C-alpha atoms as a PDB file:
ATOM      1  CA  MET A   1      11.350  -6.453   1.276  1.00  0.00           C
ATOM      2  CA  LEU A   2       8.692  -5.855   3.916  1.00  0.00           C
ATOM      3  CA  GLU A   3       6.147  -3.053   4.101  1.00  0.00           C
ATOM      4  CA  ILE A   4       4.118  -2.750   7.341  1.00  0.00           C
ATOM      5  CA  ALA A   5       0.766  -0.949   7.386  1.00  0.00           C
ATOM      6  CA  CYS A   6       0.604   1.111  10.543  1.00  0.00           C
ATOM      7  CA  PHE A   7      -2.468   2.878  11.922  1.00  0.00           C
ATOM      8  CA  ASN A   8      -0.695   5.180  14.432  1.00  0.00           C
ATOM      9  CA  ALA A   9       2.802   6.476  15.151  1.00  0.00           C
ATOM     10  CA  SER A  10       3.567   4.068  17.958  1.00  0.00           C
ATOM     11  CA  SER A  11       3.020   1.108  15.607  1.00  0.00           C
ATOM     12  CA  ALA A  12       5.223   2.671  13.003  1.00  0.00           C
ATOM     13  CA  VAL A  13       8.031   3.034  15.622  1.00  0.00           C
ATOM     14  CA  ALA A  14       7.606  -0.570  16.718  1.00  0.00           C
ATOM     15  CA  ALA A  15       7.591  -1.849  13.103  1.00  0.00           C
ATOM     16  CA  ALA A  16      10.738   0.177  12.255  1.00  0.00           C
ATOM     17  CA  LYS A  17      12.488  -1.148  15.358  1.00  0.00           C
ATOM     18  CA  ALA A  18      11.624  -4.688  14.433  1.00  0.00           C
ATOM     19  CA  GLY A  19      13.160  -4.393  10.991  1.00  0.00           C
ATOM     20  CA  ALA A  20      10.467  -3.243   8.579  1.00  0.00           C
ATOM     21  CA  ASP A  21      11.782  -1.810   5.304  1.00  0.00           C
ATOM     22  CA  ARG A  22       8.971   0.656   4.815  1.00  0.00           C
ATOM     23  CA  ILE A  23       5.863   1.932   6.532  1.00  0.00           C
ATOM     24  CA  GLU A  24       2.471   2.541   4.971  1.00  0.00           C
ATOM     25  CA  LEU A  25       0.918   5.065   7.324  1.00  0.00           C
ATOM     26  CA  CYS A  26      -2.909   5.425   7.619  1.00  0.00           C
ATOM     27  CA  VAL A  27      -5.610   5.493  10.280  1.00  0.00           C
ATOM     28  CA  ASP A  28      -8.757   3.409  10.996  1.00  0.00           C
ATOM     29  CA  TYR A  29      -7.959  -0.330  10.668  1.00  0.00           C
ATOM     30  CA  THR A  30     -11.616  -1.345  10.615  1.00  0.00           C
ATOM     31  CA  ALA A  31     -12.134   0.939   7.515  1.00  0.00           C
ATOM     32  CA  GLY A  32      -9.106  -0.636   5.748  1.00  0.00           C
ATOM     33  CA  GLY A  33      -7.086   2.460   6.130  1.00  0.00           C
ATOM     34  CA  THR A  34      -7.759   6.147   5.477  1.00  0.00           C
ATOM     35  CA  THR A  35      -5.637   9.307   5.313  1.00  0.00           C
ATOM     36  CA  PRO A  36      -3.670  10.018   8.498  1.00  0.00           C
ATOM     37  CA  THR A  37      -3.352  13.357  10.160  1.00  0.00           C
ATOM     38  CA  GLN A  38      -0.500  15.707   9.569  1.00  0.00           C
ATOM     39  CA  ASP A  39       0.444  15.370  13.251  1.00  0.00           C
ATOM     40  CA  SER A  40       0.553  11.587  13.065  1.00  0.00           C
ATOM     41  CA  LEU A  41       2.894  11.757  10.052  1.00  0.00           C
ATOM     42  CA  ARG A  42       5.145  14.357  11.649  1.00  0.00           C
ATOM     43  CA  GLU A  43       5.386  12.308  14.862  1.00  0.00           C
ATOM     44  CA  THR A  44       6.295   9.219  12.854  1.00  0.00           C
ATOM     45  CA  ARG A  45       8.967  10.898  10.770  1.00  0.00           C
ATOM     46  CA  VAL A  46      10.582  12.386  13.884  1.00  0.00           C
ATOM     47  CA  LYS A  47      10.988   9.013  15.470  1.00  0.00           C
ATOM     48  CA  ILE A  48      11.983   6.655  12.540  1.00  0.00           C
ATOM     49  CA  ASN A  49      14.321   6.950   9.575  1.00  0.00           C
ATOM     50  CA  ILE A  50      12.860   4.376   7.132  1.00  0.00           C
ATOM     51  CA  PRO A  51      10.506   5.460   4.308  1.00  0.00           C
ATOM     52  CA  VAL A  52       6.953   6.302   5.207  1.00  0.00           C
ATOM     53  CA  ASN A  53       4.407   6.106   2.387  1.00  0.00           C
ATOM     54  CA  VAL A  54       1.147   7.840   3.215  1.00  0.00           C
ATOM     55  CA  MET A  55      -2.385   6.559   2.369  1.00  0.00           C
ATOM     56  CA  ILE A  56      -4.625   9.097   0.678  1.00  0.00           C
ATOM     57  CA  ARG A  57      -8.151   7.785   1.012  1.00  0.00           C
ATOM     58  CA  PRO A  58     -10.919  10.070   2.249  1.00  0.00           C
ATOM     59  CA  ARG A  59     -13.348   7.398   3.494  1.00  0.00           C
ATOM     60  CA  SER A  60     -14.026   3.653   3.670  1.00  0.00           C
ATOM     61  CA  GLY A  61     -16.106   1.908   1.030  1.00  0.00           C
ATOM     62  CA  ASN A  62     -15.637   1.963  -2.678  1.00  0.00           C
ATOM     63  CA  PHE A  63     -13.014   3.873  -4.650  1.00  0.00           C
ATOM     64  CA  ILE A  64     -15.361   5.975  -6.745  1.00  0.00           C
ATOM     65  CA  TYR A  65     -15.004   9.565  -5.459  1.00  0.00           C
ATOM     66  CA  SER A  66     -17.025  12.707  -5.860  1.00  0.00           C
ATOM     67  CA  GLU A  67     -15.476  15.940  -7.134  1.00  0.00           C
ATOM     68  CA  GLU A  68     -15.367  17.187  -3.457  1.00  0.00           C
ATOM     69  CA  GLU A  69     -13.542  13.983  -2.351  1.00  0.00           C
ATOM     70  CA  PHE A  70     -11.152  14.279  -5.188  1.00  0.00           C
ATOM     71  CA  LYS A  71     -10.337  17.903  -4.186  1.00  0.00           C
ATOM     72  CA  GLN A  72      -9.784  16.655  -0.607  1.00  0.00           C
ATOM     73  CA  MET A  73      -7.371  14.083  -1.808  1.00  0.00           C
ATOM     74  CA  SER A  74      -5.460  16.661  -3.825  1.00  0.00           C
ATOM     75  CA  LEU A  75      -5.199  18.973  -0.803  1.00  0.00           C
ATOM     76  CA  GLU A  76      -4.048  16.167   1.434  1.00  0.00           C
ATOM     77  CA  ILE A  77      -1.212  15.219  -0.881  1.00  0.00           C
ATOM     78  CA  GLN A  78      -0.039  18.835  -0.965  1.00  0.00           C
ATOM     79  CA  MET A  79      -0.373  19.154   2.791  1.00  0.00           C
ATOM     80  CA  LEU A  80       1.479  15.879   3.608  1.00  0.00           C
ATOM     81  CA  LYS A  81       4.055  15.930   0.806  1.00  0.00           C
ATOM     82  CA  PRO A  82       6.791  17.742   2.789  1.00  0.00           C
ATOM     83  CA  ALA A  83       7.017  14.861   5.308  1.00  0.00           C
ATOM     84  CA  ALA A  84       6.023  11.907   3.119  1.00  0.00           C
ATOM     85  CA  SER A  85       8.314   9.401   1.302  1.00  0.00           C
ATOM     86  CA  GLY A  86       5.540   8.561  -1.123  1.00  0.00           C
ATOM     87  CA  PHE A  87       1.775   8.134  -1.425  1.00  0.00           C
ATOM     88  CA  VAL A  88      -0.725   5.230  -1.668  1.00  0.00           C
ATOM     89  CA  PHE A  89      -4.074   5.772  -3.392  1.00  0.00           C
ATOM     90  CA  GLY A  90      -6.331   4.579  -6.202  1.00  0.00           C
ATOM     91  CA  ILE A  91      -9.340   5.990  -7.975  1.00  0.00           C
ATOM     92  CA  LEU A  92     -11.764   4.003 -10.056  1.00  0.00           C
ATOM     93  CA  ASP A  93     -14.615   5.112 -12.341  1.00  0.00           C
ATOM     94  CA  ASP A  94     -18.187   3.936 -11.987  1.00  0.00           C
ATOM     95  CA  GLN A  95     -17.354   0.752 -14.011  1.00  0.00           C
ATOM     96  CA  ASN A  96     -14.370  -0.053 -11.672  1.00  0.00           C
ATOM     97  CA  HIS A  97     -11.859   0.784 -14.406  1.00  0.00           C
ATOM     98  CA  VAL A  98      -8.778   2.896 -13.482  1.00  0.00           C
ATOM     99  CA  ASP A  99      -9.698   6.582 -13.661  1.00  0.00           C
ATOM    100  CA  LEU A 100      -6.820   7.804 -15.830  1.00  0.00           C
ATOM    101  CA  GLU A 101      -7.380  11.546 -15.534  1.00  0.00           C
ATOM    102  CA  ARG A 102      -7.740  11.761 -11.788  1.00  0.00           C
ATOM    103  CA  ASN A 103      -5.054   9.288 -10.956  1.00  0.00           C
ATOM    104  CA  ARG A 104      -2.604  10.992 -13.312  1.00  0.00           C
ATOM    105  CA  ALA A 105      -3.420  14.299 -11.749  1.00  0.00           C
ATOM    106  CA  LEU A 106      -2.686  13.063  -8.204  1.00  0.00           C
ATOM    107  CA  VAL A 107       0.521  11.346  -9.267  1.00  0.00           C
ATOM    108  CA  GLY A 108       1.554  14.673 -10.787  1.00  0.00           C
ATOM    109  CA  LEU A 109       0.896  16.449  -7.515  1.00  0.00           C
ATOM    110  CA  ALA A 110       2.897  13.924  -5.639  1.00  0.00           C
ATOM    111  CA  ALA A 111       5.934  14.184  -7.961  1.00  0.00           C
ATOM    112  CA  PRO A 112       8.787  13.508  -7.531  1.00  0.00           C
ATOM    113  CA  LEU A 113       7.622  11.261  -4.720  1.00  0.00           C
ATOM    114  CA  PRO A 114       6.654   7.676  -5.862  1.00  0.00           C
ATOM    115  CA  CYS A 115       2.994   6.550  -5.786  1.00  0.00           C
ATOM    116  CA  THR A 116       1.481   3.066  -5.182  1.00  0.00           C
ATOM    117  CA  PHE A 117      -1.884   2.053  -6.616  1.00  0.00           C
ATOM    118  CA  HIS A 118      -3.601   0.317  -3.660  1.00  0.00           C
ATOM    119  CA  ARG A 119      -6.016  -2.581  -3.440  1.00  0.00           C
ATOM    120  CA  ALA A 120      -8.647  -0.833  -5.490  1.00  0.00           C
ATOM    121  CA  PHE A 121      -6.760  -2.777  -8.136  1.00  0.00           C
ATOM    122  CA  ASP A 122      -8.431  -5.974  -6.902  1.00  0.00           C
ATOM    123  CA  LEU A 123     -11.821  -4.676  -8.076  1.00  0.00           C
ATOM    124  CA  VAL A 124     -10.877  -3.925 -11.768  1.00  0.00           C
ATOM    125  CA  PRO A 125     -12.407  -6.224 -14.408  1.00  0.00           C
ATOM    126  CA  ASP A 126      -9.161  -6.689 -16.308  1.00  0.00           C
ATOM    127  CA  PHE A 127      -5.834  -6.822 -14.554  1.00  0.00           C
ATOM    128  CA  HIS A 128      -3.669  -6.476 -17.648  1.00  0.00           C
ATOM    129  CA  GLU A 129      -5.593  -3.463 -18.921  1.00  0.00           C
ATOM    130  CA  ALA A 130      -5.590  -1.907 -15.444  1.00  0.00           C
ATOM    131  CA  THR A 131      -1.811  -2.437 -15.048  1.00  0.00           C
ATOM    132  CA  GLU A 132      -1.142  -0.791 -18.358  1.00  0.00           C
ATOM    133  CA  ASN A 133      -3.279   2.167 -17.387  1.00  0.00           C
ATOM    134  CA  ILE A 134      -1.642   2.422 -13.931  1.00  0.00           C
ATOM    135  CA  ILE A 135       1.796   2.478 -15.550  1.00  0.00           C
ATOM    136  CA  THR A 136       0.566   5.186 -17.944  1.00  0.00           C
ATOM    137  CA  CYS A 137      -0.542   7.250 -14.912  1.00  0.00           C
ATOM    138  CA  GLY A 138       3.000   7.149 -13.534  1.00  0.00           C
ATOM    139  CA  PHE A 139       2.576   4.838 -10.490  1.00  0.00           C
ATOM    140  CA  LYS A 140       5.640   2.970  -9.402  1.00  0.00           C
ATOM    141  CA  SER A 141       3.938  -0.006  -7.698  1.00  0.00           C
ATOM    142  CA  ILE A 142       0.666  -1.849  -7.257  1.00  0.00           C
ATOM    143  CA  LEU A 143      -0.523  -3.370  -3.931  1.00  0.00           C
ATOM    144  CA  THR A 144      -2.722  -6.356  -4.607  1.00  0.00           C
ATOM    145  CA  SER A 145      -3.952  -9.779  -3.488  1.00  0.00           C
ATOM    146  CA  GLY A 146      -4.617 -10.718  -7.102  1.00  0.00           C
ATOM    147  CA  GLY A 147      -8.335 -10.035  -6.860  1.00  0.00           C
ATOM    148  CA  MET A 148      -8.709 -12.750  -4.267  1.00  0.00           C
ATOM    149  CA  ALA A 149      -9.733 -12.524  -0.534  1.00  0.00           C
ATOM    150  CA  ASP A 150      -6.135 -12.881   0.550  1.00  0.00           C
ATOM    151  CA  ALA A 151      -2.597 -13.074  -0.643  1.00  0.00           C
ATOM    152  CA  VAL A 152      -2.353 -16.862  -0.307  1.00  0.00           C
ATOM    153  CA  SER A 153      -5.254 -17.366  -2.713  1.00  0.00           C
ATOM    154  CA  GLY A 154      -4.042 -14.614  -5.122  1.00  0.00           C
ATOM    155  CA  ALA A 155      -0.327 -15.300  -5.116  1.00  0.00           C
ATOM    156  CA  GLY A 156      -0.349 -17.117  -8.403  1.00  0.00           C
ATOM    157  CA  VAL A 157      -2.186 -14.299 -10.156  1.00  0.00           C
ATOM    158  CA  VAL A 158       0.232 -11.702  -8.718  1.00  0.00           C
ATOM    159  CA  GLY A 159       3.202 -13.888  -9.739  1.00  0.00           C
ATOM    160  CA  GLU A 160       2.004 -13.910 -13.340  1.00  0.00           C
ATOM    161  CA  LEU A 161       1.443 -10.153 -13.331  1.00  0.00           C
ATOM    162  CA  TRP A 162       4.987  -9.763 -12.005  1.00  0.00           C
ATOM    163  CA  LYS A 163       6.355 -11.949 -14.790  1.00  0.00           C
ATOM    164  CA  ASN A 164       4.542  -9.855 -17.454  1.00  0.00           C
ATOM    165  CA  PHE A 165       5.062  -6.381 -16.025  1.00  0.00           C
ATOM    166  CA  GLY A 166       7.823  -6.568 -13.450  1.00  0.00           C
ATOM    167  CA  ASP A 167      10.321  -4.733 -15.607  1.00  0.00           C
ATOM    168  CA  ARG A 168       7.984  -1.718 -15.750  1.00  0.00           C
ATOM    169  CA  ILE A 169       6.287  -1.655 -12.389  1.00  0.00           C
ATOM    170  CA  ASP A 170       6.671  -3.196  -8.915  1.00  0.00           C
ATOM    171  CA  PHE A 171       3.992  -5.455  -7.319  1.00  0.00           C
ATOM    172  CA  ILE A 172       3.436  -5.579  -3.576  1.00  0.00           C
ATOM    173  CA  LEU A 173       1.691  -8.756  -2.320  1.00  0.00           C
ATOM    174  CA  GLY A 174      -0.792  -8.028   0.476  1.00  0.00           C
ATOM    175  CA  GLY A 175      -3.864  -9.384   2.204  1.00  0.00           C
ATOM    176  CA  GLY A 176      -3.481 -11.513   5.249  1.00  0.00           C
ATOM    177  CA  VAL A 177       0.316 -11.865   4.912  1.00  0.00           C
ATOM    178  CA  ARG A 178       1.734 -13.402   8.065  1.00  0.00           C
ATOM    179  CA  SER A 179       4.879 -15.026   9.274  1.00  0.00           C
ATOM    180  CA  THR A 180       3.121 -18.388   9.019  1.00  0.00           C
ATOM    181  CA  ASN A 181       2.522 -18.071   5.258  1.00  0.00           C
ATOM    182  CA  VAL A 182       4.939 -15.556   3.896  1.00  0.00           C
ATOM    183  CA  GLU A 183       7.667 -18.111   3.124  1.00  0.00           C
ATOM    184  CA  SER A 184       5.264 -20.016   0.776  1.00  0.00           C
ATOM    185  CA  LEU A 185       4.402 -16.670  -0.911  1.00  0.00           C
ATOM    186  CA  ARG A 186       8.044 -16.147  -1.896  1.00  0.00           C
ATOM    187  CA  GLN A 187       7.344 -18.441  -4.900  1.00  0.00           C
ATOM    188  CA  THR A 188       5.919 -15.401  -6.650  1.00  0.00           C
ATOM    189  CA  LYS A 189       9.520 -13.993  -6.855  1.00  0.00           C
ATOM    190  CA  ILE A 190       8.179 -10.445  -6.314  1.00  0.00           C
ATOM    191  CA  ASN A 191      10.166  -7.888  -4.321  1.00  0.00           C
ATOM    192  CA  TRP A 192       7.698  -6.606  -1.810  1.00  0.00           C
ATOM    193  CA  TYR A 193       5.264  -8.039   0.755  1.00  0.00           C
ATOM    194  CA  HIS A 194       2.693  -6.089   2.775  1.00  0.00           C
ATOM    195  CA  SER A 195       1.293  -6.876   6.194  1.00  0.00           C
ATOM    196  CA  ALA A 196      -0.399  -5.089   9.084  1.00  0.00           C
ATOM    197  CA  ALA A 197       1.288  -7.569  11.505  1.00  0.00           C
ATOM    198  CA  ILE A 198      -1.645  -7.142  13.910  1.00  0.00           C
ATOM    199  CA  THR A 199      -2.204 -10.384  15.879  1.00  0.00           C
ATOM    200  CA  LYS A 200      -4.439  -9.131  18.727  1.00  0.00           C
ATOM    201  CA  PRO A 201      -7.617  -7.008  18.950  1.00  0.00           C
ATOM    202  CA  GLY A 202      -6.883  -3.315  18.280  1.00  0.00           C
ATOM    203  CA  GLU A 203      -4.605  -1.492  15.934  1.00  0.00           C
ATOM    204  CA  GLU A 204      -1.159  -2.053  17.426  1.00  0.00           C
ATOM    205  CA  VAL A 205       1.584  -3.753  15.416  1.00  0.00           C
ATOM    206  CA  ASP A 206       2.945  -6.969  16.891  1.00  0.00           C
ATOM    207  CA  GLU A 207       6.671  -6.289  16.983  1.00  0.00           C
ATOM    208  CA  GLU A 208       7.591  -9.967  17.188  1.00  0.00           C
ATOM    209  CA  GLU A 209       5.415 -10.758  14.187  1.00  0.00           C
ATOM    210  CA  VAL A 210       7.409  -8.161  12.164  1.00  0.00           C
ATOM    211  CA  VAL A 211      10.674  -9.796  13.298  1.00  0.00           C
ATOM    212  CA  GLN A 212       9.355 -13.286  12.215  1.00  0.00           C
ATOM    213  CA  LEU A 213       8.167 -11.927   8.874  1.00  0.00           C
ATOM    214  CA  GLN A 214      11.532 -10.499   8.084  1.00  0.00           C
ATOM    215  CA  THR A 215      13.292 -13.669   9.258  1.00  0.00           C
ATOM    216  CA  ALA A 216      11.109 -15.736   6.899  1.00  0.00           C
ATOM    217  CA  LEU A 217      11.719 -13.391   3.952  1.00  0.00           C
ATOM    218  CA  LYS A 218      15.447 -13.408   4.406  1.00  0.00           C
ATOM    219  CA  ARG A 219      15.729 -17.188   4.875  1.00  0.00           C
ATOM    220  CA  LYS A 220      17.775 -18.808   2.123  1.00  0.00           C
END
């Protein structure tokens, strides 16, 4: 299954047309994705009928948030929930461990919509401990490159996590996933792959790249 990170409504429409199974909607590609506007989500949902999971991230940088930023994230979930299919976020404490209390609170606000713990996971000191805590918080999936710079380097780690925890939580392999490498990543046996499918300067999805990604994933 293929999830495409989209930074505007036009990219979401293009990705859906090209065969994406799900959209992760955010803004600001250079920041690694932050919370989209309500208007952007509404425009996207009017034009496509595949699931749209919404990034909840108030700023770029680390994943240790102030009380004010946490309140902002809470309000954004409540504001965007009527049009969202699910949410994507992750909060760490000052030691880069999963912040149990705050993540659990946001998962509760999002319910019954599913939540993905995003690549803040790649910064935790212990993947097994973090996965257990993320499951405890109620997340349904984890987006990760296995703590490495990209999915190719981290595929083995993610594959092992999937073997150990795959009956309790989904893993989504992301980080530089492209049509040129995704077939080799299938060795992980996981269900989901994540790509921005951007091949040129700017923030627009390359529709043909999405087609090629899906073709590679569906190849016998």
